[in-house]
Amino acid sequence: MVILGLSGAGGHDPSATLVVDGQIVAAAEEERLNRIKHSWNLQPEMAARWCLEFAGLKPSDVQVVACPFAKIPLFNSPARWQFALRHGYAPGEAMAAVFDGNRHYRRDIQSLREMLPRIGINPAKVRLMRFQHHLAHASSAFYGSGCERAAVMSLHGNGEYATAWLGYGDERGLHRIKEWYSPDSLGGFYGAIAEHLGFEMLDGESRVMAMAACGDPNRCDISPCLCWGAGDFRVNNELVNVVGARRYHDEQGRDYSFSPELVKLWGPPRTSDDAEEPYVHIAAAAQRALEEATLSVVQHHLAGKIAETSRLCFAGGVAFNAQLNRRLAREAGARELFVPAAAGACGAALGAATLAATTVGDKVKPLEHASLGPCYNDGQVRAALEKHRVAFEQPASITDAMAALLARGELVAWFQGRMEFGPRALGNRSVLGNPVIPGIAHRVNAQIGRRERWQPFGLSVLDWAAPEVLQSQHPSPWMAFAFDLTANWRDRVADVIQADGLARAQIVREQTQPQLHELMRKFYASTGVPMLLNTSFNRQGEPIVCSPDDALTVFFGSDVQYLVMEKFLVRKTIAGS
């Protein structure tokens, strides 16, 4: 069965995933192709066209279109009634939830039906399958993991009013145990805190996690915003997750998802990158609250299923929190925690497609790697270099040449193979460096120009060295987990990791990333360092690069001096100068 999963209608981070006879063949985020960060309110037209082209299929070959949004029951939906009752201060929003709760669904389905003909698909000739948003996230984790049985969790900002989904998966499918509804959203709570700390929602949550390492959670009382216990949690939507006129507005007229009452409680929102007090403590308290609340609901509702299966699969935007994932891996009781690289909104397309595949009787094959996007052969790369009149070299061994550059402390932009799917999968579109070089973090920030001084970088670690370096045997194919480095390595790479000594790390295996693994082996042979600094190949506010043209644009728009694309090396400086 040929199934095209499409996400993003009426929202953000649209993407497309193609599943053929249970095999995940291709997946891409629209922002990587149209170069518009988050691609707000756009459909994944370019991504869908690319997926079909890559697979050698025509639009008429698509048999099922799967979407991660569904209708809500009219009057007997607890989600709609909770939203209405808890948002009584905004009568318009509350009444709309009760009497017109499917207005977003109607908009999204209409937008989708208008888009399909633009990519050559006749809506009347395909089966349109619609799934609950959180069920799609749960599916991306469960079916992507390859587990036959597992506890499953989705924590996301919102989806058809639902904000959290806990359940399990087995040979019969996915089964819900517990669900929470807006405004009780852990993702929404954390996003509102990110806004108060001066960041944008969707991009700022990872910065909150990094800032938290610099603060003391005991110096901020988070309880007015979020309380939890006995397997439940409640968000105070008079302070955060606020809607309507109750939202805080700044002098420029922008509104935020927290209220003026929060400003009275904690002071004005952070507006300067130099401001630390009391904001680092607010971040630390929010991070601890997120971890404790999540552990509480997992241990209360999923302990039995985790004991049965030894596995927990976790998706949704909150699953991008690497420090939370570290706590879950250590304390939830599961032998293995699986988090997909595209855990957030873009991964809902993959989840819908895999749900559709199981619905029609196909057995979904596990997601062994995230290299699901476009790739470019040597001829295409050479053509791009020549088009831009860029001087280049073709060393006898590109990994020998690059290992030598890294060993002497250079930063190198690295473009190899298929683009990854999801923001936590790195190694094919990256900027790499030697993590033990003093001042390397400052140099990355200066040359790419995008990070606060306290924000850490990711580490790619050779698989055989990971147990000793990371003090863990837990799989980590992409940067979804934070680890406690051994004291020796913590001191040597202190410049690039969190202030508390934790590091977000990816374990590199030859089977899934052979070129990067070869480079790292050669780098280790000359330096004795079994890891590399690895950060995404993009500039602040831009998507990660996709094509050779994108790579050249970012490279020449930055101060990075070396670029490797497939077998070709581009230098801005002459070696030794």
Protein backbone atom coordinates (compact mmCIF):
# COMPACT_ATOMS: atom_id res chain seq x y z
CA MET A 1 0.00 0.00 0.00
CA VAL A 2 1.33 3.45 -0.93
CA ILE A 3 0.59 5.86 1.93
CA LEU A 4 1.43 9.56 2.05
CA GLY A 5 1.40 11.11 5.53
CA LEU A 6 0.90 14.88 5.61
CA SER A 7 1.09 17.15 8.66
CA GLY A 8 0.98 20.86 9.35
CA ALA A 9 -2.42 21.93 8.03
CA GLY A 10 -3.23 25.25 9.66
CA GLY A 11 -0.28 25.05 12.03
CA HIS A 12 3.48 24.83 12.01
CA ASP A 13 6.30 22.54 10.88
CA PRO A 14 4.50 20.79 8.00
CA SER A 15 6.09 17.62 6.71
CA ALA A 16 5.47 14.63 4.49
CA THR A 17 6.27 10.95 4.96
CA LEU A 18 5.96 8.18 2.38
CA VAL A 19 5.34 4.63 3.58
CA VAL A 20 5.21 1.82 1.00
CA ASP A 21 4.15 -1.66 2.10
CA GLY A 22 5.14 -0.82 5.67
CA GLN A 23 8.58 0.57 4.77
CA ILE A 24 9.31 4.20 5.69
CA VAL A 25 10.80 5.25 2.35
CA ALA A 26 11.13 9.03 2.60
CA ALA A 27 10.33 11.93 4.91
CA ALA A 28 11.08 15.65 4.78
CA GLU A 29 10.17 18.84 6.58
CA GLU A 30 8.75 21.59 4.39
CA GLU A 31 10.99 24.23 5.98
CA ARG A 32 14.12 22.48 4.73
CA LEU A 33 12.86 22.78 1.14
CA ASN A 34 11.16 26.18 1.09
CA ARG A 35 13.69 27.71 3.55
CA ILE A 36 10.93 29.27 5.70
CA LYS A 37 11.49 28.47 9.37
CA HIS A 38 8.54 26.47 10.77
CA SER A 39 6.54 27.24 7.56
CA TRP A 40 3.61 28.56 9.56
CA ASN A 41 0.16 27.88 8.06
CA LEU A 42 1.62 26.21 4.98
CA GLN A 43 1.01 22.76 3.58
CA PRO A 44 3.88 20.31 2.89
CA GLU A 45 3.58 20.63 -0.88
CA MET A 46 7.29 20.61 -1.71
CA ALA A 47 7.96 17.81 0.79
CA ALA A 48 5.16 15.66 -0.64
CA ARG A 49 6.34 16.16 -4.22
CA TRP A 50 9.89 15.30 -3.23
CA CYS A 51 8.87 12.10 -1.40
CA LEU A 52 7.03 10.80 -4.46
CA GLU A 53 9.80 11.82 -6.83
CA PHE A 54 12.43 10.12 -4.68
CA ALA A 55 10.46 6.88 -4.67
CA GLY A 56 9.86 7.04 -8.43
CA LEU A 57 6.09 7.25 -7.91
CA LYS A 58 3.43 9.34 -9.58
CA PRO A 59 0.80 11.20 -7.55
CA SER A 60 -1.78 8.80 -8.98
CA ASP A 61 0.10 5.92 -7.28
CA VAL A 62 -0.87 7.20 -3.82
CA GLN A 63 -3.63 5.06 -2.37
CA VAL A 64 -4.00 6.58 1.11
CA VAL A 65 -3.44 10.10 2.42
CA ALA A 66 -3.05 10.10 6.21
CA CYS A 67 -3.41 13.20 8.42
CA PRO A 68 -2.76 13.79 12.15
CA PHE A 69 -5.99 15.59 12.99
CA ALA A 70 -9.49 14.31 13.66
CA LYS A 71 -13.02 15.39 14.56
CA ILE A 72 -14.01 15.86 18.20
CA PRO A 73 -17.35 14.56 19.53
CA LEU A 74 -19.93 17.32 19.61
CA PHE A 75 -21.34 17.67 23.12
CA ASN A 76 -20.01 14.66 25.05
CA SER A 77 -16.34 15.53 24.74
CA PRO A 78 -14.66 16.15 28.13
CA ALA A 79 -11.92 18.01 26.29
CA ARG A 80 -14.30 20.64 24.94
CA TRP A 81 -16.12 21.09 28.24
CA GLN A 82 -12.91 21.40 30.25
CA PHE A 83 -11.61 24.04 27.87
CA ALA A 84 -14.87 25.98 28.13
CA LEU A 85 -15.08 25.80 31.91
CA ARG A 86 -11.44 26.67 32.54
CA HIS A 87 -11.47 29.55 30.06
CA GLY A 88 -14.65 31.17 31.33
CA TYR A 89 -12.79 34.50 31.48
CA ALA A 90 -12.77 34.42 27.64
CA PRO A 91 -16.43 33.80 26.76
CA GLY A 92 -15.86 33.83 23.02
CA GLU A 93 -13.19 31.11 23.21
CA ALA A 94 -15.23 29.07 25.70
CA MET A 95 -18.43 29.15 23.65
CA ALA A 96 -16.58 28.31 20.46
CA ALA A 97 -15.11 25.22 22.14
CA VAL A 98 -18.56 23.91 23.05
CA PHE A 99 -20.59 24.85 19.99
CA ASP A 100 -17.95 25.01 17.26
CA GLY A 101 -15.19 22.76 18.52
CA ASN A 102 -14.47 21.34 15.07
CA ARG A 103 -13.83 24.69 13.40
CA HIS A 104 -10.10 24.01 13.20
CA TYR A 105 -10.77 20.55 11.82
CA ARG A 106 -12.99 21.95 9.07
CA ARG A 107 -10.35 24.53 8.19
CA ASP A 108 -7.59 21.93 8.10
CA ILE A 109 -9.47 19.37 6.05
CA GLN A 110 -10.51 22.05 3.57
CA SER A 111 -6.93 23.27 3.30
CA LEU A 112 -5.74 19.71 2.71
CA ARG A 113 -8.34 19.03 0.02
CA GLU A 114 -7.34 22.21 -1.75
CA MET A 115 -3.67 21.27 -1.60
CA LEU A 116 -3.93 17.71 -2.93
CA PRO A 117 -4.80 18.71 -6.52
CA ARG A 118 -1.83 21.10 -6.51
CA ILE A 119 0.49 18.12 -6.05
CA GLY A 120 -1.43 16.03 -8.58
CA ILE A 121 -3.57 13.93 -6.23
CA ASN A 122 -7.29 13.67 -6.84
CA PRO A 123 -8.98 13.73 -3.41
CA ALA A 124 -11.85 11.65 -4.80
CA LYS A 125 -9.50 8.83 -5.81
CA VAL A 126 -7.57 8.33 -2.58
CA ARG A 127 -8.62 7.07 0.81
CA LEU A 128 -8.33 9.90 3.32
CA MET A 129 -7.54 8.63 6.82
CA ARG A 130 -7.63 11.00 9.80
CA PHE A 131 -6.16 10.24 13.22
CA GLN A 132 -6.11 11.97 16.59
CA HIS A 133 -3.02 14.16 16.83
CA HIS A 134 -1.60 12.56 19.97
CA LEU A 135 -2.29 9.10 18.60
CA ALA A 136 -0.16 10.02 15.58
CA HIS A 137 2.70 11.09 17.86
CA ALA A 138 2.32 7.88 19.86
CA SER A 139 2.43 5.91 16.61
CA SER A 140 5.64 7.61 15.45
CA ALA A 141 7.32 6.45 18.66
CA PHE A 142 5.82 2.96 18.97
CA TYR A 143 6.02 1.79 15.36
CA GLY A 144 9.28 3.64 14.79
CA SER A 145 10.87 1.80 17.72
CA GLY A 146 10.29 -1.68 16.31
CA CYS A 147 9.02 -2.83 19.71
CA GLU A 148 6.31 -5.48 19.66
CA ARG A 149 4.99 -4.28 23.02
CA ALA A 150 5.76 -1.10 24.95
CA ALA A 151 4.35 1.61 27.18
CA VAL A 152 3.74 4.73 25.09
CA MET A 153 3.49 8.44 25.91
CA SER A 154 2.86 11.62 23.92
CA LEU A 155 3.30 15.04 25.52
CA HIS A 156 2.67 17.98 23.22
CA GLY A 157 1.41 21.52 23.48
CA ASN A 158 -2.04 20.79 22.11
CA GLY A 159 -3.96 18.67 19.63
CA GLU A 160 -7.78 18.64 19.36
CA TYR A 161 -7.69 20.10 22.90
CA ALA A 162 -5.77 17.06 24.19
CA THR A 163 -2.31 17.82 25.59
CA ALA A 164 -1.04 14.46 26.83
CA TRP A 165 -1.69 10.81 25.96
CA LEU A 166 -0.53 7.79 27.95
CA GLY A 167 -1.10 4.22 26.87
CA TYR A 168 0.57 1.17 25.42
CA GLY A 169 1.12 -0.60 22.14
CA ASP A 170 0.94 -4.27 21.25
CA GLU A 171 0.15 -6.51 18.29
CA ARG A 172 -3.43 -5.18 18.28
CA GLY A 173 -2.40 -1.53 18.02
CA LEU A 174 -2.30 1.46 20.38
CA HIS A 175 -4.49 1.66 23.49
CA ARG A 176 -5.16 4.73 25.61
CA ILE A 177 -4.91 4.64 29.41
CA LYS A 178 -5.12 8.34 30.31
CA GLU A 179 -5.47 11.69 28.53
CA TRP A 180 -5.23 15.33 29.64
CA TYR A 181 -6.84 18.38 28.06
CA SER A 182 -6.12 22.07 27.61
CA PRO A 183 -5.20 24.18 29.50
CA ASP A 184 -3.45 21.41 31.47
CA SER A 185 -0.49 21.15 29.13
CA LEU A 186 3.07 20.49 30.25
CA GLY A 187 4.31 21.54 26.83
CA GLY A 188 2.24 24.73 26.97
CA PHE A 189 3.49 25.48 30.49
CA TYR A 190 7.12 25.09 29.45
CA GLY A 191 6.57 27.15 26.29
CA ALA A 192 5.00 29.98 28.31
CA ILE A 193 8.02 29.98 30.63
CA ALA A 194 10.26 30.13 27.54
CA GLU A 195 8.41 33.26 26.42
CA HIS A 196 8.81 34.90 29.84
CA LEU A 197 12.52 34.13 29.66
CA GLY A 198 12.79 36.04 26.38
CA PHE A 199 12.63 33.18 23.88
CA GLU A 200 10.17 32.29 21.17
CA MET A 201 7.90 29.32 21.65
CA LEU A 202 8.98 26.30 19.52
CA ASP A 203 12.60 27.50 19.40
CA GLY A 204 13.19 28.61 22.97
CA GLU A 205 12.41 25.48 24.96
CA SER A 206 15.87 23.98 24.40
CA ARG A 207 17.38 27.25 25.61
CA VAL A 208 15.33 27.07 28.80
CA MET A 209 16.74 23.59 29.43
CA ALA A 210 20.30 24.89 28.95
CA MET A 211 19.69 27.97 31.09
CA ALA A 212 18.30 25.74 33.84
CA ALA A 213 21.74 24.21 34.37
CA CYS A 214 22.98 27.62 35.55
CA GLY A 215 20.23 28.20 38.11
CA ASP A 216 19.01 27.01 41.50
CA PRO A 217 15.44 25.60 41.34
CA ASN A 218 14.96 26.26 45.03
CA ARG A 219 15.18 30.01 44.45
CA CYS A 220 11.92 30.14 42.48
CA ASP A 221 8.52 28.87 43.57
CA ILE A 222 6.93 27.30 40.49
CA SER A 223 3.87 26.00 42.33
CA PRO A 224 1.61 28.95 41.44
CA CYS A 225 1.94 27.90 37.78
CA LEU A 226 1.97 24.09 37.97
CA CYS A 227 1.10 21.55 40.61
CA TRP A 228 1.30 17.76 40.39
CA GLY A 229 1.01 14.59 42.41
CA ALA A 230 -0.75 11.20 42.56
CA GLY A 231 -0.33 10.77 38.82
CA ASP A 232 -2.03 14.04 37.90
CA PHE A 233 -1.07 17.63 37.15
CA ARG A 234 -2.85 20.95 36.78
CA VAL A 235 -1.74 24.16 35.10
CA ASN A 236 -2.92 27.50 36.49
CA ASN A 237 -4.25 29.16 33.36
CA GLU A 238 -4.63 32.47 35.13
CA LEU A 239 -0.81 32.68 34.88
CA VAL A 240 0.27 30.52 31.91
CA ASN A 241 -1.48 28.87 28.94
CA VAL A 242 -3.58 32.02 28.86
CA VAL A 243 -5.93 32.93 25.99
CA GLY A 244 -7.73 36.06 24.86
CA ALA A 245 -7.50 39.47 26.49
CA ARG A 246 -5.89 38.04 29.62
CA ARG A 247 -2.58 37.61 27.79
CA TYR A 248 0.38 39.85 28.56
CA HIS A 249 1.16 42.45 25.86
CA ASP A 250 4.49 44.21 25.50
CA GLU A 251 5.11 47.77 24.31
CA GLN A 252 5.31 46.60 20.68
CA GLY A 253 1.84 45.10 20.94
CA ARG A 254 2.95 41.46 20.86
CA ASP A 255 0.99 39.11 23.07
CA TYR A 256 2.27 36.13 25.02
CA SER A 257 0.84 32.96 26.52
CA PHE A 258 1.38 34.21 30.08
CA SER A 259 -0.60 36.89 31.89
CA PRO A 260 0.29 40.20 33.57
CA GLU A 261 -0.29 38.38 36.87
CA LEU A 262 2.83 36.30 36.20
CA VAL A 263 4.78 39.50 35.66
CA LYS A 264 3.56 40.78 39.04
CA LEU A 265 4.71 37.50 40.59
CA TRP A 266 8.15 37.13 38.96
CA GLY A 267 8.95 40.51 37.50
CA PRO A 268 9.20 41.67 33.86
CA PRO A 269 10.04 39.28 31.04
CA ARG A 270 13.70 38.91 30.16
CA THR A 271 14.69 41.22 27.30
CA SER A 272 18.50 41.20 27.41
CA ASP A 273 20.83 38.30 26.67
CA ASP A 274 23.00 39.53 29.56
CA ALA A 275 20.19 39.25 32.11
CA GLU A 276 20.60 36.23 34.37
CA GLU A 277 18.98 36.95 37.74
CA PRO A 278 16.31 35.77 38.52
CA TYR A 279 15.75 34.14 35.14
CA VAL A 280 18.21 31.27 35.48
CA HIS A 281 16.41 30.21 38.67
CA ILE A 282 13.00 30.40 36.97
CA ALA A 283 14.39 28.15 34.22
CA ALA A 284 15.79 25.70 36.75
CA ALA A 285 12.51 25.53 38.64
CA ALA A 286 10.51 25.03 35.42
CA GLN A 287 12.84 22.26 34.28
CA ARG A 288 12.60 20.45 37.59
CA ALA A 289 8.81 20.82 37.60
CA LEU A 290 8.57 19.37 34.08
CA GLU A 291 10.70 16.40 35.07
CA GLU A 292 8.90 15.71 38.34
CA ALA A 293 5.40 16.08 36.90
CA THR A 294 6.21 13.79 33.97
CA LEU A 295 7.80 11.16 36.20
CA SER A 296 4.77 11.32 38.48
CA VAL A 297 2.28 10.53 35.70
CA VAL A 298 4.52 7.87 34.16
CA GLN A 299 5.12 6.06 37.43
CA HIS A 300 1.45 6.23 38.35
CA HIS A 301 -0.18 5.27 35.05
CA LEU A 302 2.44 3.34 33.09
CA ALA A 303 4.42 1.47 35.76
CA GLY A 304 2.56 -1.77 35.10
CA LYS A 305 3.01 -1.64 31.34
CA ILE A 306 6.66 -0.68 31.70
CA ALA A 307 7.18 -3.64 34.06
CA GLU A 308 5.57 -5.94 31.48
CA THR A 309 7.49 -4.69 28.45
CA SER A 310 10.68 -3.05 29.82
CA ARG A 311 10.23 -0.34 27.19
CA LEU A 312 8.80 3.16 27.01
CA CYS A 313 8.23 4.99 23.71
CA PHE A 314 7.92 8.78 23.99
CA ALA A 315 7.01 11.44 21.40
CA GLY A 316 5.47 14.91 21.15
CA GLY A 317 7.25 18.24 21.44
CA VAL A 318 8.12 17.70 25.12
CA ALA A 319 10.17 14.65 24.08
CA PHE A 320 12.79 17.07 22.70
CA ASN A 321 13.80 17.80 26.31
CA ALA A 322 16.99 15.77 26.58
CA GLN A 323 17.35 16.27 30.32
CA LEU A 324 13.82 14.99 30.95
CA ASN A 325 14.62 11.97 28.78
CA ARG A 326 17.70 11.30 30.90
CA ARG A 327 15.52 11.20 34.02
CA LEU A 328 12.97 8.93 32.34
CA ALA A 329 15.66 6.54 31.14
CA ARG A 330 17.07 6.31 34.65
CA GLU A 331 13.95 6.42 36.82
CA ALA A 332 10.89 5.28 34.85
CA GLY A 333 11.83 1.60 35.18
CA ALA A 334 12.19 0.87 31.46
CA ARG A 335 15.25 -0.90 30.14
CA GLU A 336 15.02 1.23 27.02
CA LEU A 337 13.43 4.58 26.21
CA PHE A 338 12.82 5.26 22.52
CA VAL A 339 12.37 8.86 21.32
CA PRO A 340 12.08 9.50 17.56
CA ALA A 341 14.34 12.13 15.98
CA ALA A 342 11.22 13.92 14.70
CA ALA A 343 9.38 13.81 18.01
CA GLY A 344 7.56 17.11 17.53
CA ALA A 345 5.00 18.47 15.08
CA CYS A 346 6.88 17.40 11.96
CA GLY A 347 6.86 13.78 13.15
CA ALA A 348 3.06 13.68 13.15
CA ALA A 349 3.14 12.97 9.40
CA LEU A 350 5.21 9.86 10.04
CA GLY A 351 2.86 8.85 12.85
CA ALA A 352 -0.24 9.25 10.70
CA ALA A 353 1.35 7.29 7.85
CA THR A 354 2.38 4.41 10.12
CA LEU A 355 -1.07 4.34 11.74
CA ALA A 356 -2.64 4.14 8.29
CA ALA A 357 -0.26 1.34 7.32
CA THR A 358 -1.23 -0.77 10.31
CA THR A 359 -4.91 0.00 9.70
CA VAL A 360 -4.73 -1.46 6.18
CA GLY A 361 -2.81 -4.50 7.39
CA ASP A 362 0.80 -3.61 6.54
CA LYS A 363 3.50 -4.43 9.08
CA VAL A 364 5.55 -1.30 9.74
CA LYS A 365 9.30 -1.77 9.64
CA PRO A 366 11.22 0.01 12.43
CA LEU A 367 12.97 3.32 11.96
CA GLU A 368 16.64 2.29 12.12
CA HIS A 369 17.97 5.69 11.05
CA ALA A 370 16.68 9.19 10.33
CA SER A 371 18.41 9.67 6.95
CA LEU A 372 15.14 9.90 5.06
CA GLY A 373 15.51 13.15 3.10
CA PRO A 374 17.12 14.32 -0.14
CA CYS A 375 20.63 13.34 -1.18
CA TYR A 376 22.88 14.72 -3.91
CA ASN A 377 25.44 12.82 -5.95
CA ASP A 378 28.94 14.02 -6.78
CA GLY A 379 27.81 15.35 -10.15
CA GLN A 380 25.10 17.50 -8.57
CA VAL A 381 27.50 18.81 -5.95
CA ARG A 382 30.15 19.62 -8.55
CA ALA A 383 27.53 21.40 -10.68
CA ALA A 384 26.53 23.58 -7.71
CA LEU A 385 30.15 24.46 -6.99
CA GLU A 386 30.78 25.38 -10.60
CA LYS A 387 27.54 27.37 -10.85
CA HIS A 388 28.61 29.47 -7.88
CA ARG A 389 32.17 29.70 -9.24
CA VAL A 390 33.60 28.22 -6.09
CA ALA A 391 37.15 26.86 -6.06
CA PHE A 392 37.29 23.34 -4.65
CA GLU A 393 39.52 20.34 -4.18
CA GLN A 394 38.88 16.61 -4.43
CA PRO A 395 41.26 14.92 -1.97
CA ALA A 396 42.17 11.27 -2.41
CA SER A 397 40.35 10.62 0.88
CA ILE A 398 37.88 13.22 2.09
CA THR A 399 37.79 11.70 5.59
CA ASP A 400 41.63 11.82 5.84
CA ALA A 401 41.61 15.48 4.83
CA MET A 402 38.81 16.38 7.22
CA ALA A 403 40.24 14.42 10.16
CA ALA A 404 43.47 16.40 9.76
CA LEU A 405 41.59 19.71 9.75
CA LEU A 406 39.62 18.78 12.85
CA ALA A 407 42.71 17.51 14.66
CA ARG A 408 44.42 20.88 14.29
CA GLY A 409 41.36 22.65 15.69
CA GLU A 410 39.49 23.81 12.59
CA LEU A 411 35.70 23.95 12.36
CA VAL A 412 34.34 22.20 9.27
CA ALA A 413 30.86 22.30 7.74
CA TRP A 414 29.93 18.72 6.78
CA PHE A 415 27.41 17.78 4.08
CA GLN A 416 27.04 14.07 3.34
CA GLY A 417 24.36 11.62 2.19
CA ARG A 418 20.64 11.99 2.79
CA MET A 419 19.31 14.87 4.84
CA GLU A 420 17.97 13.75 8.21
CA PHE A 421 14.33 13.95 9.26
CA GLY A 422 13.82 15.80 12.52
CA PRO A 423 15.86 18.40 14.43
CA ARG A 424 17.53 15.90 16.76
CA ALA A 425 19.20 13.86 14.00
CA LEU A 426 22.64 15.22 13.14
CA GLY A 427 25.70 13.98 11.29
CA ASN A 428 24.79 14.50 7.64
CA ARG A 429 24.18 18.28 7.77
CA SER A 430 26.47 19.45 10.59
CA VAL A 431 29.24 21.76 11.69
CA LEU A 432 31.91 19.63 13.36
CA GLY A 433 34.81 20.52 15.65
CA ASN A 434 37.34 19.16 18.10
CA PRO A 435 35.59 19.39 21.52
CA VAL A 436 38.80 19.42 23.58
CA ILE A 437 40.20 22.57 21.94
CA PRO A 438 40.01 25.47 24.46
CA GLY A 439 37.64 28.19 23.32
CA ILE A 440 35.95 26.03 20.69
CA ALA A 441 32.44 27.02 21.83
CA HIS A 442 33.24 30.73 21.51
CA ARG A 443 34.63 30.12 18.03
CA VAL A 444 31.47 28.32 16.91
CA ASN A 445 29.32 31.12 18.27
CA ALA A 446 31.51 33.72 16.57
CA GLN A 447 31.62 31.95 13.22
CA ILE A 448 27.98 30.86 13.05
CA GLY A 449 26.67 33.56 15.38
CA ARG A 450 23.65 31.98 16.95
CA ARG A 451 23.97 30.80 20.57
CA GLU A 452 23.88 32.29 24.04
CA ARG A 453 27.10 31.83 25.95
CA TRP A 454 25.58 29.22 28.29
CA GLN A 455 23.97 27.08 25.61
CA PRO A 456 25.85 23.78 25.13
CA PHE A 457 26.66 21.91 21.95
CA GLY A 458 25.98 18.31 21.07
CA LEU A 459 28.57 15.57 21.03
CA SER A 460 28.86 12.70 18.57
CA VAL A 461 30.54 9.73 20.27
CA LEU A 462 31.93 6.56 18.68
CA ASP A 463 29.78 3.57 19.63
CA TRP A 464 32.56 1.51 21.19
CA ALA A 465 33.63 4.45 23.39
CA ALA A 466 30.14 5.49 24.50
CA PRO A 467 29.86 3.30 27.64
CA GLU A 468 33.10 4.70 29.06
CA VAL A 469 32.53 8.32 27.98
CA LEU A 470 28.81 8.58 28.76
CA GLN A 471 28.61 6.07 31.65
CA SER A 472 25.63 4.46 29.97
CA GLN A 473 24.74 1.55 27.71
CA HIS A 474 21.52 3.23 26.60
CA PRO A 475 21.06 3.59 22.80
CA SER A 476 21.16 7.17 21.52
CA PRO A 477 21.16 7.25 17.69
CA TRP A 478 20.29 10.96 17.69
CA MET A 479 20.61 13.77 20.19
CA ALA A 480 17.55 13.05 22.30
CA PHE A 481 19.30 12.27 25.62
CA ALA A 482 21.54 14.06 28.09
CA PHE A 483 24.29 12.00 29.72
CA ASP A 484 26.63 12.31 32.71
CA LEU A 485 30.11 12.29 31.24
CA THR A 486 32.91 10.63 33.17
CA ALA A 487 34.94 13.10 35.22
CA ASN A 488 37.93 12.87 32.89
CA TRP A 489 35.96 13.70 29.76
CA ARG A 490 33.76 16.22 31.54
CA ASP A 491 36.82 18.29 32.35
CA ARG A 492 38.28 17.97 28.85
CA VAL A 493 35.10 19.07 27.02
CA ALA A 494 33.77 21.47 29.67
CA ASP A 495 33.73 24.25 27.07
CA VAL A 496 30.92 22.65 25.04
CA ILE A 497 28.66 20.93 27.60
CA GLN A 498 26.10 22.20 30.12
CA ALA A 499 27.19 24.03 33.24
CA ASP A 500 26.09 21.04 35.34
CA GLY A 501 28.33 18.63 33.40
CA LEU A 502 25.59 17.00 31.35
CA ALA A 503 26.02 16.54 27.61
CA ARG A 504 23.49 15.91 24.87
CA ALA A 505 25.04 13.11 22.87
CA GLN A 506 24.55 11.00 19.76
CA ILE A 507 26.16 7.57 19.53
CA VAL A 508 27.54 6.97 16.02
CA ARG A 509 27.35 3.46 14.59
CA GLU A 510 29.05 2.31 11.39
CA GLN A 511 25.89 0.50 10.24
CA THR A 512 23.80 3.67 10.12
CA GLN A 513 26.34 6.48 9.57
CA PRO A 514 29.35 4.86 7.87
CA GLN A 515 30.95 8.07 6.55
CA LEU A 516 30.78 9.92 9.86
CA HIS A 517 31.95 6.80 11.70
CA GLU A 518 34.97 6.53 9.37
CA LEU A 519 35.83 10.19 9.91
CA MET A 520 35.61 9.82 13.67
CA ARG A 521 37.79 6.69 13.66
CA LYS A 522 40.50 8.57 11.80
CA PHE A 523 40.13 11.59 14.06
CA TYR A 524 40.50 9.31 17.09
CA ALA A 525 43.57 7.65 15.61
CA SER A 526 45.38 11.00 15.46
CA THR A 527 44.04 12.61 18.64
CA GLY A 528 42.85 9.90 21.02
CA VAL A 529 39.50 11.74 21.23
CA PRO A 530 36.55 9.42 20.40
CA MET A 531 34.03 12.23 19.92
CA LEU A 532 33.32 15.39 17.96
CA LEU A 533 31.46 18.59 18.67
CA ASN A 534 28.41 18.40 16.42
CA THR A 535 25.97 21.25 15.83
CA SER A 536 23.42 21.78 13.09
CA PHE A 537 24.49 23.32 9.77
CA ASN A 538 22.40 26.49 9.74
CA ARG A 539 22.38 30.07 10.93
CA GLN A 540 20.22 31.54 13.68
CA GLY A 541 16.56 31.60 12.65
CA GLU A 542 17.08 29.49 9.53
CA PRO A 543 16.27 25.83 8.79
CA ILE A 544 19.07 23.28 8.60
CA VAL A 545 20.52 23.15 5.08
CA CYS A 546 19.14 20.66 2.58
CA SER A 547 20.79 21.16 -0.82
CA PRO A 548 24.32 22.03 -2.01
CA ASP A 549 23.05 25.54 -2.84
CA ASP A 550 21.77 25.93 0.73
CA ALA A 551 25.10 24.71 2.10
CA LEU A 552 27.06 27.21 0.01
CA THR A 553 24.75 30.08 1.00
CA VAL A 554 25.17 29.38 4.72
CA PHE A 555 28.89 28.66 4.38
CA PHE A 556 29.67 31.94 2.62
CA GLY A 557 27.31 33.79 4.94
CA SER A 558 29.29 32.63 7.97
CA ASP A 559 32.91 32.73 9.11
CA VAL A 560 33.40 28.95 8.98
CA GLN A 561 36.51 28.39 6.87
CA TYR A 562 36.04 24.85 5.53
CA LEU A 563 33.19 23.04 3.85
CA VAL A 564 33.07 19.37 2.86
CA MET A 565 30.32 18.32 0.45
CA GLU A 566 30.47 14.63 -0.46
CA LYS A 567 33.98 14.19 -1.96
CA PHE A 568 34.76 17.89 -2.36
CA LEU A 569 36.55 20.31 -0.02
CA VAL A 570 36.08 24.08 -0.14
CA ARG A 571 38.50 26.38 1.67
CA LYS A 572 38.12 30.06 2.40
CA THR A 573 41.73 30.23 3.55
CA ILE A 574 44.94 28.66 2.36
CA ALA A 575 46.23 25.91 4.63
CA GLY A 576 48.93 27.24 6.94
CA SER A 577 48.07 30.90 6.39
